[in-house]
């Protein structure tokens, strides 16, 4: 039951300040790890680290934040 409840809440779109934050995916060149989140354009602060293991995780992240593209950073 608890698991099903969390699925419902993940379908809601999260709002964020689009003037100061942008969606990015940090990719490690050493081990290939990918983490998606929001980066502050002015300070460079990174928030909301979501581990991206496959294309499904990336699509869920994009749906959650209502974005169509995520910039990769290495």
N, C-alpha and C. Protein backbone atom coordinates (compact mmCIF):
# COMPACT_ATOMS: atom_id res chain seq x y z
N UNK A 1 0.81 -1.19 0.00
CA UNK A 1 0.00 0.00 0.00
C UNK A 1 0.86 1.26 0.00
N UNK A 2 1.87 1.28 0.81
CA UNK A 2 2.71 2.46 0.90
C UNK A 2 3.39 2.73 -0.44
N UNK A 3 3.80 1.68 -1.14
CA UNK A 3 4.46 1.84 -2.42
C UNK A 3 3.52 2.43 -3.47
N UNK A 4 2.29 1.96 -3.50
CA UNK A 4 1.32 2.48 -4.46
C UNK A 4 1.02 3.94 -4.21
N UNK A 5 1.01 4.33 -2.95
CA UNK A 5 0.74 5.72 -2.59
C UNK A 5 1.84 6.64 -3.14
N UNK A 6 3.10 6.18 -3.07
CA UNK A 6 4.19 7.01 -3.56
C UNK A 6 4.15 7.15 -5.07
N UNK A 7 3.63 6.17 -5.78
CA UNK A 7 3.50 6.27 -7.23
C UNK A 7 2.53 7.37 -7.62
N UNK A 8 1.45 7.51 -6.90
CA UNK A 8 0.47 8.54 -7.21
C UNK A 8 1.07 9.93 -7.02
N UNK A 9 1.84 10.11 -5.97
CA UNK A 9 2.41 11.43 -5.71
C UNK A 9 3.51 11.77 -6.72
N UNK A 10 4.16 10.76 -7.31
CA UNK A 10 5.22 11.05 -8.28
C UNK A 10 4.67 11.53 -9.61
N UNK A 11 3.37 11.40 -9.85
CA UNK A 11 2.77 11.83 -11.11
C UNK A 11 2.51 13.33 -11.14
N UNK A 12 2.58 13.98 -10.00
CA UNK A 12 2.34 15.41 -9.95
C UNK A 12 3.56 16.17 -10.49
N UNK A 13 3.31 17.24 -11.22
CA UNK A 13 4.38 18.05 -11.78
C UNK A 13 4.90 19.00 -10.70
N UNK A 14 6.21 18.99 -10.52
CA UNK A 14 6.85 19.86 -9.54
C UNK A 14 7.15 21.19 -10.20
N UNK A 15 6.77 22.27 -9.56
CA UNK A 15 7.05 23.61 -10.10
C UNK A 15 8.36 24.12 -9.51
N UNK A 16 9.06 24.90 -10.32
CA UNK A 16 10.32 25.50 -9.87
C UNK A 16 10.49 26.84 -10.57
N UNK A 17 11.39 27.66 -10.08
CA UNK A 17 11.66 28.98 -10.63
C UNK A 17 12.48 28.83 -11.91
N UNK A 18 11.83 28.93 -13.06
CA UNK A 18 12.49 28.70 -14.34
C UNK A 18 13.44 29.82 -14.74
N UNK A 19 13.35 30.96 -14.09
CA UNK A 19 14.27 32.05 -14.38
C UNK A 19 15.64 31.82 -13.75
N UNK A 20 15.67 31.14 -12.60
CA UNK A 20 16.92 30.95 -11.87
C UNK A 20 17.42 29.51 -11.88
N UNK A 21 16.59 28.54 -12.24
CA UNK A 21 16.97 27.13 -12.20
C UNK A 21 16.77 26.49 -13.56
N UNK A 22 17.64 25.55 -13.92
CA UNK A 22 17.48 24.82 -15.17
C UNK A 22 17.72 23.34 -14.91
N UNK A 23 17.02 22.45 -15.62
CA UNK A 23 17.22 21.02 -15.44
C UNK A 23 18.51 20.58 -16.13
N UNK A 24 19.33 19.83 -15.40
CA UNK A 24 20.59 19.31 -15.96
C UNK A 24 20.77 17.86 -15.52
N UNK A 25 21.59 17.14 -16.27
CA UNK A 25 21.97 15.78 -15.89
C UNK A 25 23.49 15.75 -15.78
N UNK A 26 23.97 15.48 -14.59
CA UNK A 26 25.40 15.38 -14.36
C UNK A 26 25.84 13.96 -14.69
N UNK A 27 26.81 13.85 -15.58
CA UNK A 27 27.30 12.54 -16.02
C UNK A 27 28.77 12.42 -15.63
N UNK A 28 29.11 11.33 -14.98
CA UNK A 28 30.49 11.09 -14.58
C UNK A 28 31.24 10.41 -15.72
N UNK A 29 32.41 10.94 -16.06
CA UNK A 29 33.20 10.30 -17.10
C UNK A 29 34.00 9.12 -16.54
N UNK A 30 34.12 9.03 -15.24
CA UNK A 30 34.87 7.94 -14.62
C UNK A 30 34.07 6.64 -14.56
N UNK A 31 32.86 6.71 -14.00
CA UNK A 31 32.09 5.48 -13.78
C UNK A 31 30.76 5.45 -14.53
N UNK A 32 30.44 6.49 -15.27
CA UNK A 32 29.22 6.51 -16.07
C UNK A 32 27.96 6.82 -15.29
N UNK A 33 28.07 7.18 -14.02
CA UNK A 33 26.90 7.51 -13.21
C UNK A 33 26.23 8.78 -13.73
N UNK A 34 24.89 8.77 -13.75
CA UNK A 34 24.12 9.93 -14.19
C UNK A 34 23.15 10.33 -13.09
N UNK A 35 23.13 11.62 -12.79
CA UNK A 35 22.24 12.17 -11.77
C UNK A 35 21.57 13.40 -12.37
N UNK A 36 20.23 13.42 -12.35
CA UNK A 36 19.48 14.55 -12.87
C UNK A 36 18.97 15.41 -11.72
N UNK A 37 18.91 16.69 -11.96
CA UNK A 37 18.42 17.62 -10.95
C UNK A 37 18.30 19.02 -11.52
N UNK A 38 18.21 19.98 -10.64
CA UNK A 38 18.09 21.39 -11.04
C UNK A 38 19.35 22.13 -10.63
N UNK A 39 19.83 22.99 -11.53
CA UNK A 39 21.03 23.78 -11.26
C UNK A 39 20.67 25.26 -11.27
N UNK A 40 21.13 25.98 -10.26
CA UNK A 40 20.91 27.41 -10.20
C UNK A 40 21.81 28.09 -11.22
N UNK A 41 21.23 28.87 -12.09
CA UNK A 41 21.96 29.52 -13.17
C UNK A 41 22.97 30.54 -12.63
N UNK A 42 22.63 31.20 -11.55
CA UNK A 42 23.47 32.26 -11.01
C UNK A 42 24.59 31.74 -10.10
N UNK A 43 24.28 30.76 -9.23
CA UNK A 43 25.26 30.31 -8.24
C UNK A 43 25.90 28.97 -8.59
N UNK A 44 25.28 28.18 -9.44
CA UNK A 44 25.82 26.86 -9.78
C UNK A 44 25.41 25.77 -8.81
N UNK A 45 24.56 26.09 -7.84
CA UNK A 45 24.10 25.12 -6.85
C UNK A 45 23.26 24.04 -7.55
N UNK A 46 23.45 22.77 -7.15
CA UNK A 46 22.73 21.64 -7.74
C UNK A 46 21.82 21.03 -6.69
N UNK A 47 20.54 20.80 -7.06
CA UNK A 47 19.55 20.24 -6.13
C UNK A 47 18.75 19.13 -6.80
N UNK A 48 18.17 18.29 -5.97
CA UNK A 48 17.23 17.28 -6.44
C UNK A 48 17.86 16.13 -7.17
N UNK A 49 18.95 15.62 -6.65
CA UNK A 49 19.66 14.53 -7.32
C UNK A 49 18.80 13.28 -7.46
N UNK A 50 18.46 12.91 -8.70
CA UNK A 50 17.72 11.70 -9.00
C UNK A 50 18.63 10.81 -9.83
N UNK A 51 18.93 9.63 -9.34
CA UNK A 51 19.80 8.70 -10.05
C UNK A 51 19.10 8.22 -11.31
N UNK A 52 19.79 8.32 -12.44
CA UNK A 52 19.25 7.89 -13.73
C UNK A 52 19.96 6.60 -14.13
N UNK A 53 19.23 5.49 -14.04
CA UNK A 53 19.80 4.19 -14.40
C UNK A 53 19.48 3.79 -15.83
N UNK A 54 18.36 4.26 -16.35
CA UNK A 54 17.96 3.92 -17.72
C UNK A 54 17.06 5.02 -18.28
N UNK A 55 16.60 4.83 -19.50
CA UNK A 55 15.77 5.83 -20.18
C UNK A 55 14.46 6.09 -19.44
N UNK A 56 13.93 5.07 -18.80
CA UNK A 56 12.67 5.21 -18.06
C UNK A 56 12.83 6.20 -16.90
N UNK A 57 13.95 6.12 -16.19
CA UNK A 57 14.20 7.05 -15.09
C UNK A 57 14.28 8.49 -15.60
N UNK A 58 14.92 8.67 -16.75
CA UNK A 58 15.04 10.01 -17.32
C UNK A 58 13.68 10.55 -17.74
N UNK A 59 12.86 9.70 -18.35
CA UNK A 59 11.52 10.13 -18.76
C UNK A 59 10.67 10.49 -17.54
N UNK A 60 10.80 9.73 -16.45
CA UNK A 60 10.06 10.04 -15.22
C UNK A 60 10.49 11.38 -14.65
N UNK A 61 11.80 11.66 -14.67
CA UNK A 61 12.32 12.94 -14.18
C UNK A 61 11.76 14.09 -15.02
N UNK A 62 11.79 13.92 -16.34
CA UNK A 62 11.31 14.96 -17.24
C UNK A 62 9.81 15.19 -17.06
N UNK A 63 9.07 14.14 -16.85
CA UNK A 63 7.63 14.26 -16.63
C UNK A 63 7.34 14.94 -15.29
N UNK A 64 8.13 14.58 -14.27
CA UNK A 64 7.94 15.14 -12.92
C UNK A 64 8.13 16.66 -12.92
N UNK A 65 9.14 17.14 -13.66
CA UNK A 65 9.45 18.57 -13.68
C UNK A 65 8.83 19.28 -14.88
N UNK A 66 8.16 18.56 -15.77
CA UNK A 66 7.49 19.17 -16.90
C UNK A 66 8.44 19.79 -17.91
N UNK A 67 9.55 19.11 -18.19
CA UNK A 67 10.53 19.61 -19.15
C UNK A 67 10.62 18.67 -20.35
N UNK A 68 11.08 19.21 -21.47
CA UNK A 68 11.20 18.40 -22.67
C UNK A 68 12.64 18.03 -22.99
N UNK A 69 13.59 18.76 -22.41
CA UNK A 69 15.01 18.41 -22.63
C UNK A 69 15.81 18.67 -21.36
N UNK A 70 16.84 17.87 -21.19
CA UNK A 70 17.74 18.00 -20.04
C UNK A 70 19.16 18.10 -20.58
N UNK A 71 19.86 19.13 -20.18
CA UNK A 71 21.23 19.37 -20.64
C UNK A 71 22.18 18.46 -19.87
N UNK A 72 23.13 17.83 -20.57
CA UNK A 72 24.14 17.00 -19.92
C UNK A 72 25.35 17.84 -19.56
N UNK A 73 25.87 17.59 -18.35
CA UNK A 73 27.11 18.23 -17.90
C UNK A 73 28.07 17.14 -17.47
N UNK A 74 29.34 17.30 -17.83
CA UNK A 74 30.35 16.32 -17.47
C UNK A 74 31.31 16.88 -16.47
